[in-house]
Amino acid sequence: MKKIKNLIRGMDKPLLVFTIFMIGYGLLNIVTASSREAVSQDVALYHYFYKQGKMLLVAFFGALIILNVPTKKYDKWCIPSYFFILSVLAYLTYSGDLHRGSKNWIQLAGITFQPSEFAKPVMIVCISVLFDKFYKFLRTKNLNHYNIISLILVVGCLFPFIVILQKDLGTAFILLGTFGVLFLTSPILKIDKFRTIVFMFIICMIGCMGLLLTGHKLFTEEQLDRFNFFNPCSNYENGGYQVCNGMIAINDGGLFGLGIGKSKQKYSYIPEPHTDSVFAIIMEEYGLIFSCILLFIYVIILYRILWISSKATTILGRYICLGVGTYMFLHILVNLGGLFGLLPLTGVPLPFLSYGGSFTISFICSLALVQRVHFETKNEKIKI
């Protein structure tokens, strides 16, 4: 008990408070957002609420373990974790069943998991470990750094490459985007970064041309339909219906909303409104003002993560926090960008608010990584 109190005392309080608030609100909102889905699936009204609660419980125990493990021990478990996730993803790519258009789902004991969600924090930690381990070497001029840079590229690009093969562009984009930010802010010298980026661009162009010349397509018909995101209502029957109905829900909500549980669009208009389009239901029921408050809380949480990153006393801690902040930001950007018709809709969950077990566990554990870094930073300052 005393150890838990010490952990809580060492956490970043603003991040902890707003995290608890968003988790609590998101869990309660799932009841109303999933009500139509519960009826259509012939399950109890609180079915998705209880399932999400169980996943949050798993996430809590996972976070508790992470909070008690010093970051200096991460290099011992990150490699086995990386290869385990890689093996599962590779297996699903060739032997998995299609689920929601992708082959990156697995069912165990009646529960469906998405291993690619766990790839995000594992990749962040592995890349951060490499930056920490080879920091001085990568910063030293007049040395050949490309063997280490190649290792970093392999670790950062293998996961998104396999996920692309599984036809999950949203998850692949977030993995690539997170790695891209970590690479651009890495201790690698600028000239090495420039040469690496040019090399990777050429490789990507050759790969795309090779696919086209062999008669393959870069995108499926369903994915191409989603690129009509600027005016989705004009393409209502072919991919635009979800975004269009989401916009109708947002417009109907006005400033103060229709009232809790009074959404109209969740009834057969927006598919699975408790997952990817949950923010449209929130705006319809709670209105623009409350929705802006939620967005402001997102800004506060992201600010605290980046602040912890800037204050970290280790290279490892700095990049873990930066990676988690990027991971969260990209989820918000892709989800809301698709909802507001600014980006293609890709089925990416919204942090704290969307129903989803794999993402919830992965994301809460990622926030625990940030709190662990803050805990160590604070303790080190006390010792000094």
Protein backbone atom coordinates (compact mmCIF):
# COMPACT_ATOMS: atom_id res chain seq x y z
CA MET A 1 0.00 0.00 0.00
CA LYS A 2 2.84 2.35 0.89
CA LYS A 3 4.51 1.63 -2.45
CA ILE A 4 1.31 2.54 -4.33
CA LYS A 5 1.07 5.81 -2.36
CA ASN A 6 4.66 6.63 -3.29
CA LEU A 7 3.90 5.93 -6.96
CA ILE A 8 0.82 8.19 -6.90
CA ARG A 9 2.83 10.89 -5.11
CA GLY A 10 5.45 10.72 -7.86
CA MET A 11 2.97 10.99 -10.73
CA ASP A 12 2.16 14.14 -12.67
CA LYS A 13 -1.08 15.24 -10.99
CA PRO A 14 -2.66 17.25 -13.85
CA LEU A 15 -2.07 14.36 -16.26
CA LEU A 16 -3.45 11.87 -13.72
CA VAL A 17 -6.58 13.92 -12.91
CA PHE A 18 -7.52 14.62 -16.51
CA THR A 19 -6.77 11.01 -17.50
CA ILE A 20 -9.15 9.72 -14.80
CA PHE A 21 -11.83 12.23 -15.83
CA MET A 22 -11.64 11.28 -19.52
CA ILE A 23 -11.63 7.55 -18.75
CA GLY A 24 -14.69 7.95 -16.50
CA TYR A 25 -16.60 10.11 -18.95
CA GLY A 26 -15.71 7.87 -21.89
CA LEU A 27 -16.92 4.79 -20.04
CA LEU A 28 -20.24 6.38 -19.07
CA ASN A 29 -20.78 7.80 -22.56
CA ILE A 30 -20.45 4.32 -24.07
CA VAL A 31 -23.81 3.43 -22.45
CA THR A 32 -25.75 5.95 -24.53
CA ALA A 33 -23.53 5.74 -27.64
CA SER A 34 -23.90 1.94 -27.84
CA SER A 35 -27.62 1.73 -27.03
CA ARG A 36 -28.70 1.16 -30.64
CA GLU A 37 -25.92 -1.36 -31.21
CA ALA A 38 -26.98 -3.24 -28.05
CA VAL A 39 -30.55 -3.50 -29.35
CA SER A 40 -29.47 -4.62 -32.83
CA GLN A 41 -27.16 -7.28 -31.34
CA ASP A 42 -29.89 -8.38 -28.89
CA VAL A 43 -27.71 -7.85 -25.80
CA ALA A 44 -28.26 -5.93 -22.55
CA LEU A 45 -28.09 -2.13 -22.60
CA TYR A 46 -24.95 -2.16 -20.45
CA HIS A 47 -23.25 -4.92 -22.46
CA TYR A 48 -20.59 -2.68 -24.03
CA PHE A 49 -20.21 -0.71 -20.80
CA TYR A 50 -19.29 -3.88 -18.89
CA LYS A 51 -16.97 -5.12 -21.66
CA GLN A 52 -15.15 -1.79 -21.74
CA GLY A 53 -14.97 -1.80 -17.95
CA LYS A 54 -13.27 -5.20 -18.02
CA MET A 55 -10.73 -3.95 -20.56
CA LEU A 56 -10.06 -0.90 -18.37
CA LEU A 57 -9.45 -3.25 -15.45
CA VAL A 58 -6.89 -5.17 -17.52
CA ALA A 59 -5.35 -1.85 -18.56
CA PHE A 60 -5.17 -0.76 -14.91
CA PHE A 61 -3.20 -3.87 -13.90
CA GLY A 62 -0.94 -3.45 -16.93
CA ALA A 63 -0.32 0.18 -15.99
CA LEU A 64 0.41 -0.84 -12.40
CA ILE A 65 3.10 -3.25 -13.59
CA ILE A 66 4.65 -0.61 -15.87
CA LEU A 67 4.70 1.96 -13.06
CA ASN A 68 6.72 -0.44 -10.91
CA VAL A 69 9.32 -1.35 -13.55
CA PRO A 70 12.32 1.06 -13.86
CA THR A 71 12.88 2.33 -17.40
CA LYS A 72 16.50 1.10 -17.30
CA LYS A 73 15.12 -2.45 -17.48
CA TYR A 74 13.17 -1.80 -20.69
CA ASP A 75 16.01 -2.94 -22.92
CA LYS A 76 15.66 -6.48 -21.48
CA TRP A 77 12.00 -6.99 -22.39
CA CYS A 78 11.50 -4.71 -25.42
CA ILE A 79 13.25 -7.08 -27.89
CA PRO A 80 11.26 -10.22 -26.87
CA SER A 81 8.05 -8.14 -26.92
CA TYR A 82 8.89 -6.75 -30.35
CA PHE A 83 9.50 -10.17 -31.89
CA PHE A 84 6.41 -11.65 -30.24
CA ILE A 85 4.15 -8.92 -31.70
CA LEU A 86 5.95 -9.22 -35.03
CA SER A 87 5.37 -12.97 -35.14
CA VAL A 88 1.66 -12.59 -34.35
CA LEU A 89 1.22 -9.89 -37.01
CA ALA A 90 3.08 -11.96 -39.61
CA TYR A 91 0.90 -14.98 -38.82
CA LEU A 92 -2.32 -12.97 -39.13
CA THR A 93 -1.18 -11.45 -42.43
CA TYR A 94 -1.19 -14.85 -44.11
CA SER A 95 -3.57 -16.91 -41.95
CA GLY A 96 -5.90 -14.41 -40.30
CA ASP A 97 -9.56 -13.85 -41.15
CA LEU A 98 -10.91 -10.56 -42.46
CA HIS A 99 -12.60 -8.48 -39.76
CA ARG A 100 -13.83 -4.96 -40.59
CA GLY A 101 -11.83 -5.11 -43.79
CA SER A 102 -8.49 -5.94 -42.13
CA LYS A 103 -6.59 -9.11 -41.27
CA ASN A 104 -5.09 -7.91 -37.99
CA TRP A 105 -7.56 -9.36 -35.48
CA ILE A 106 -7.26 -12.49 -33.36
CA GLN A 107 -9.80 -14.19 -31.10
CA LEU A 108 -8.80 -15.76 -27.78
CA ALA A 109 -11.25 -17.15 -25.21
CA GLY A 110 -14.14 -15.46 -26.99
CA ILE A 111 -12.45 -12.04 -26.89
CA THR A 112 -11.27 -10.32 -30.07
CA PHE A 113 -7.90 -8.55 -29.91
CA GLN A 114 -6.04 -6.34 -32.36
CA PRO A 115 -2.29 -7.05 -31.93
CA SER A 116 -1.32 -4.07 -34.09
CA GLU A 117 -2.53 -1.78 -31.27
CA PHE A 118 0.08 -3.25 -28.93
CA ALA A 119 2.71 -2.71 -31.62
CA LYS A 120 2.52 1.06 -31.05
CA PRO A 121 3.90 1.30 -27.49
CA VAL A 122 6.30 -1.59 -28.11
CA MET A 123 7.75 0.20 -31.15
CA ILE A 124 8.02 3.49 -29.22
CA VAL A 125 9.95 1.82 -26.39
CA CYS A 126 12.26 -0.14 -28.73
CA ILE A 127 13.15 2.94 -30.79
CA SER A 128 13.72 4.96 -27.59
CA VAL A 129 15.99 2.21 -26.23
CA LEU A 130 18.06 2.32 -29.44
CA PHE A 131 18.37 6.12 -29.26
CA ASP A 132 19.44 5.87 -25.63
CA LYS A 133 21.94 3.09 -26.24
CA PHE A 134 23.62 4.60 -29.31
CA TYR A 135 23.19 8.31 -28.52
CA LYS A 136 26.90 9.17 -28.30
CA PHE A 137 27.77 7.04 -31.31
CA LEU A 138 25.07 8.67 -33.48
CA ARG A 139 26.18 12.16 -32.41
CA THR A 140 29.87 11.53 -33.15
CA LYS A 141 30.97 12.94 -36.50
CA ASN A 142 33.30 11.23 -39.00
CA LEU A 143 31.90 7.79 -38.19
CA ASN A 144 29.82 5.43 -40.32
CA HIS A 145 26.42 5.47 -38.61
CA TYR A 146 24.44 3.61 -41.27
CA ASN A 147 24.57 0.19 -39.65
CA ILE A 148 22.78 1.56 -36.57
CA ILE A 149 20.46 3.75 -38.68
CA SER A 150 19.54 0.65 -40.71
CA LEU A 151 18.67 -1.18 -37.50
CA ILE A 152 16.51 1.77 -36.38
CA LEU A 153 14.74 1.82 -39.76
CA VAL A 154 14.03 -1.91 -39.63
CA VAL A 155 12.60 -1.67 -36.10
CA GLY A 156 10.52 1.39 -37.01
CA CYS A 157 9.23 0.24 -40.41
CA LEU A 158 8.56 -3.50 -40.01
CA PHE A 159 5.33 -3.05 -38.03
CA PRO A 160 3.71 -0.51 -40.40
CA PHE A 161 4.82 -2.52 -43.45
CA ILE A 162 3.08 -5.66 -42.17
CA VAL A 163 -0.01 -3.69 -41.12
CA ILE A 164 -0.25 -2.24 -44.64
CA LEU A 165 -0.30 -5.81 -45.96
CA GLN A 166 -3.19 -6.42 -43.55
CA LYS A 167 -5.08 -3.54 -45.26
CA ASP A 168 -5.26 -1.36 -42.16
CA LEU A 169 -4.05 2.00 -43.47
CA GLY A 170 -5.15 3.96 -40.41
CA THR A 171 -3.01 1.95 -37.98
CA ALA A 172 -0.11 1.87 -40.47
CA PHE A 173 -0.24 5.66 -40.81
CA ILE A 174 -0.09 6.15 -37.04
CA LEU A 175 2.81 3.71 -36.69
CA LEU A 176 4.71 5.41 -39.53
CA GLY A 177 3.83 8.89 -38.28
CA THR A 178 5.00 8.11 -34.75
CA PHE A 179 8.25 6.63 -36.03
CA GLY A 180 8.69 9.57 -38.40
CA VAL A 181 8.48 12.11 -35.57
CA LEU A 182 10.89 10.07 -33.42
CA PHE A 183 13.32 9.79 -36.36
CA LEU A 184 13.20 13.52 -37.20
CA THR A 185 13.81 14.50 -33.56
CA SER A 186 16.38 11.73 -32.99
CA PRO A 187 20.07 12.23 -32.11
CA ILE A 188 20.98 11.19 -35.66
CA LEU A 189 23.03 13.88 -37.43
CA LYS A 190 21.12 16.11 -39.88
CA ILE A 191 23.12 15.00 -42.91
CA ASP A 192 22.44 11.34 -42.05
CA LYS A 193 18.73 12.09 -41.63
CA PHE A 194 18.59 13.81 -45.01
CA ARG A 195 20.36 10.97 -46.82
CA THR A 196 18.17 8.37 -45.10
CA ILE A 197 14.95 10.19 -46.01
CA VAL A 198 16.03 10.49 -49.67
CA PHE A 199 16.97 6.79 -49.73
CA MET A 200 13.64 5.73 -48.18
CA PHE A 201 11.70 7.93 -50.62
CA ILE A 202 13.44 6.29 -53.59
CA ILE A 203 12.75 2.81 -52.16
CA CYS A 204 9.05 3.67 -51.68
CA MET A 205 8.75 5.01 -55.24
CA ILE A 206 10.40 1.87 -56.66
CA GLY A 207 8.09 -0.31 -54.56
CA CYS A 208 4.95 1.54 -55.75
CA MET A 209 6.04 1.38 -59.38
CA GLY A 210 6.78 -2.33 -59.01
CA LEU A 211 3.27 -2.97 -57.68
CA LEU A 212 1.63 -0.98 -60.48
CA LEU A 213 3.73 -2.63 -63.20
CA THR A 214 2.84 -6.12 -61.93
CA GLY A 215 -0.89 -5.30 -62.10
CA HIS A 216 -1.46 -4.76 -58.37
CA LYS A 217 -3.33 -1.81 -56.89
CA LEU A 218 -2.02 0.49 -54.16
CA PHE A 219 -5.51 0.87 -52.66
CA THR A 220 -8.68 -1.22 -52.66
CA GLU A 221 -11.92 0.15 -54.10
CA GLU A 222 -13.26 0.64 -50.57
CA GLN A 223 -10.16 2.64 -49.57
CA LEU A 224 -10.38 4.78 -52.73
CA ASP A 225 -14.01 5.61 -51.93
CA ARG A 226 -12.89 7.07 -48.61
CA PHE A 227 -10.70 9.62 -50.38
CA ASN A 228 -13.86 11.51 -51.33
CA PHE A 229 -13.80 13.19 -47.93
CA PHE A 230 -14.13 16.87 -48.90
CA ASN A 231 -17.76 16.47 -49.96
CA PRO A 232 -18.86 13.06 -48.58
CA CYS A 233 -22.59 13.71 -49.01
CA SER A 234 -22.13 13.85 -52.79
CA ASN A 235 -20.83 10.28 -52.64
CA TYR A 236 -23.31 9.07 -50.04
CA GLU A 237 -23.87 5.60 -51.48
CA ASN A 238 -20.19 4.81 -52.10
CA GLY A 239 -18.24 5.46 -48.93
CA GLY A 240 -19.51 8.89 -47.89
CA TYR A 241 -22.56 7.92 -45.82
CA GLN A 242 -20.76 7.60 -42.47
CA VAL A 243 -19.03 10.99 -42.66
CA CYS A 244 -22.14 12.65 -44.08
CA ASN A 245 -24.35 11.34 -41.26
CA GLY A 246 -21.68 12.33 -38.78
CA MET A 247 -21.83 15.90 -40.07
CA ILE A 248 -25.62 15.85 -39.78
CA ALA A 249 -25.26 14.76 -36.15
CA ILE A 250 -22.78 17.57 -35.45
CA ASN A 251 -25.07 20.14 -37.08
CA ASP A 252 -28.12 18.90 -35.16
CA GLY A 253 -26.31 19.23 -31.84
CA GLY A 254 -25.87 22.99 -32.04
CA LEU A 255 -24.31 24.77 -29.07
CA PHE A 256 -25.93 22.81 -26.25
CA GLY A 257 -26.93 19.48 -27.82
CA LEU A 258 -30.18 17.53 -28.04
CA GLY A 259 -29.70 15.99 -24.58
CA ILE A 260 -28.09 12.84 -23.22
CA GLY A 261 -29.44 9.76 -25.00
CA LYS A 262 -31.38 11.80 -27.56
CA SER A 263 -29.11 11.30 -30.56
CA LYS A 264 -30.97 10.49 -33.77
CA GLN A 265 -28.03 9.59 -36.00
CA LYS A 266 -26.93 6.64 -33.87
CA TYR A 267 -30.11 4.81 -34.85
CA SER A 268 -29.11 3.01 -38.06
CA TYR A 269 -27.50 6.07 -39.68
CA ILE A 270 -23.96 5.92 -38.26
CA PRO A 271 -22.54 2.36 -38.14
CA GLU A 272 -21.11 1.41 -34.72
CA PRO A 273 -21.46 4.93 -33.26
CA HIS A 274 -19.72 3.92 -30.02
CA THR A 275 -16.39 3.30 -31.82
CA ASP A 276 -14.96 5.44 -34.63
CA SER A 277 -17.75 8.07 -34.79
CA VAL A 278 -18.31 8.48 -31.06
CA PHE A 279 -17.41 12.19 -31.11
CA ALA A 280 -20.23 12.90 -33.58
CA ILE A 281 -22.70 11.41 -31.07
CA ILE A 282 -21.14 13.46 -28.27
CA MET A 283 -21.53 16.66 -30.29
CA GLU A 284 -25.12 15.77 -31.16
CA GLU A 285 -26.12 15.02 -27.57
CA TYR A 286 -23.92 17.47 -25.61
CA GLY A 287 -23.37 20.26 -28.13
CA LEU A 288 -20.43 22.30 -29.38
CA ILE A 289 -19.53 23.98 -26.07
CA PHE A 290 -19.06 20.74 -24.13
CA SER A 291 -17.23 19.18 -27.09
CA CYS A 292 -14.78 22.11 -27.12
CA ILE A 293 -14.13 21.49 -23.41
CA LEU A 294 -13.19 17.88 -24.24
CA LEU A 295 -10.87 19.08 -26.99
CA PHE A 296 -9.26 21.53 -24.54
CA ILE A 297 -8.65 18.65 -22.11
CA TYR A 298 -6.92 16.79 -24.94
CA VAL A 299 -4.65 19.81 -25.38
CA ILE A 300 -3.84 19.86 -21.66
CA ILE A 301 -2.99 16.14 -21.63
CA LEU A 302 -0.76 16.48 -24.70
CA TYR A 303 0.94 19.51 -23.16
CA ARG A 304 1.68 17.61 -19.94
CA ILE A 305 3.13 14.66 -21.87
CA LEU A 306 5.42 16.94 -23.88
CA TRP A 307 6.35 18.88 -20.73
CA ILE A 308 7.36 15.63 -19.01
CA SER A 309 9.36 14.76 -22.13
CA SER A 310 11.24 18.08 -21.96
CA LYS A 311 12.05 17.60 -18.26
CA ALA A 312 13.15 13.95 -18.54
CA THR A 313 16.68 13.32 -17.30
CA THR A 314 17.34 10.41 -19.67
CA ILE A 315 17.35 10.06 -23.45
CA LEU A 316 15.13 6.99 -23.06
CA GLY A 317 12.51 8.85 -21.03
CA ARG A 318 12.52 11.84 -23.36
CA TYR A 319 11.75 9.80 -26.47
CA ILE A 320 9.22 7.52 -24.77
CA CYS A 321 7.16 10.56 -23.78
CA LEU A 322 7.56 12.18 -27.19
CA GLY A 323 6.48 8.94 -28.87
CA VAL A 324 3.42 8.53 -26.66
CA GLY A 325 2.43 12.18 -27.22
CA THR A 326 2.74 11.73 -30.99
CA TYR A 327 0.80 8.46 -30.82
CA MET A 328 -2.07 10.17 -28.97
CA PHE A 329 -2.04 13.27 -31.21
CA LEU A 330 -2.16 11.21 -34.41
CA HIS A 331 -5.14 9.20 -33.13
CA ILE A 332 -7.01 12.42 -32.38
CA LEU A 333 -5.98 13.97 -35.71
CA VAL A 334 -6.94 10.97 -37.86
CA ASN A 335 -10.21 10.26 -36.03
CA LEU A 336 -11.51 13.84 -35.91
CA GLY A 337 -10.01 14.67 -39.32
CA GLY A 338 -12.05 11.83 -40.83
CA LEU A 339 -15.16 12.83 -38.87
CA PHE A 340 -14.99 16.48 -39.97
CA GLY A 341 -14.24 15.60 -43.61
CA LEU A 342 -10.63 16.85 -43.53
CA LEU A 343 -9.00 13.42 -43.94
CA PRO A 344 -10.12 10.02 -45.25
CA LEU A 345 -12.11 8.07 -42.66
CA THR A 346 -9.91 5.13 -41.60
CA GLY A 347 -11.59 3.60 -38.55
CA VAL A 348 -9.07 4.83 -35.97
CA PRO A 349 -10.39 4.99 -32.37
CA LEU A 350 -10.52 8.27 -30.42
CA PRO A 351 -8.47 8.22 -27.18
CA PHE A 352 -10.53 7.72 -23.98
CA LEU A 353 -13.89 7.96 -25.77
CA SER A 354 -14.08 5.14 -28.34
CA TYR A 355 -15.11 1.63 -27.37
CA GLY A 356 -12.31 -0.86 -27.99
CA GLY A 357 -10.39 -3.23 -25.77
CA SER A 358 -7.01 -3.52 -27.52
CA PHE A 359 -6.62 0.21 -28.03
CA THR A 360 -7.75 0.98 -24.47
CA ILE A 361 -5.18 -1.37 -22.93
CA SER A 362 -2.42 -0.12 -25.24
CA PHE A 363 -3.18 3.56 -24.68
CA ILE A 364 -3.55 3.42 -20.88
CA CYS A 365 -0.30 1.46 -20.63
CA SER A 366 1.36 4.09 -22.83
CA LEU A 367 0.26 6.82 -20.42
CA ALA A 368 1.68 4.70 -17.60
CA LEU A 369 5.03 4.79 -19.42
CA VAL A 370 4.89 8.59 -19.32
CA GLN A 371 4.03 8.59 -15.61
CA ARG A 372 6.93 6.22 -14.92
CA VAL A 373 9.30 8.65 -16.65
CA HIS A 374 7.93 11.53 -14.56
CA PHE A 375 8.25 9.44 -11.40
CA GLU A 376 11.94 8.78 -12.09
CA THR A 377 12.62 12.41 -13.07
CA LYS A 378 11.02 13.68 -9.87
CA ASN A 379 12.88 11.18 -7.67
CA GLU A 380 16.20 12.05 -9.27
CA LYS A 381 15.64 15.75 -8.61
CA ILE A 382 14.84 14.99 -4.96
CA LYS A 383 18.09 13.02 -4.60
CA ILE A 384 20.10 15.92 -6.02
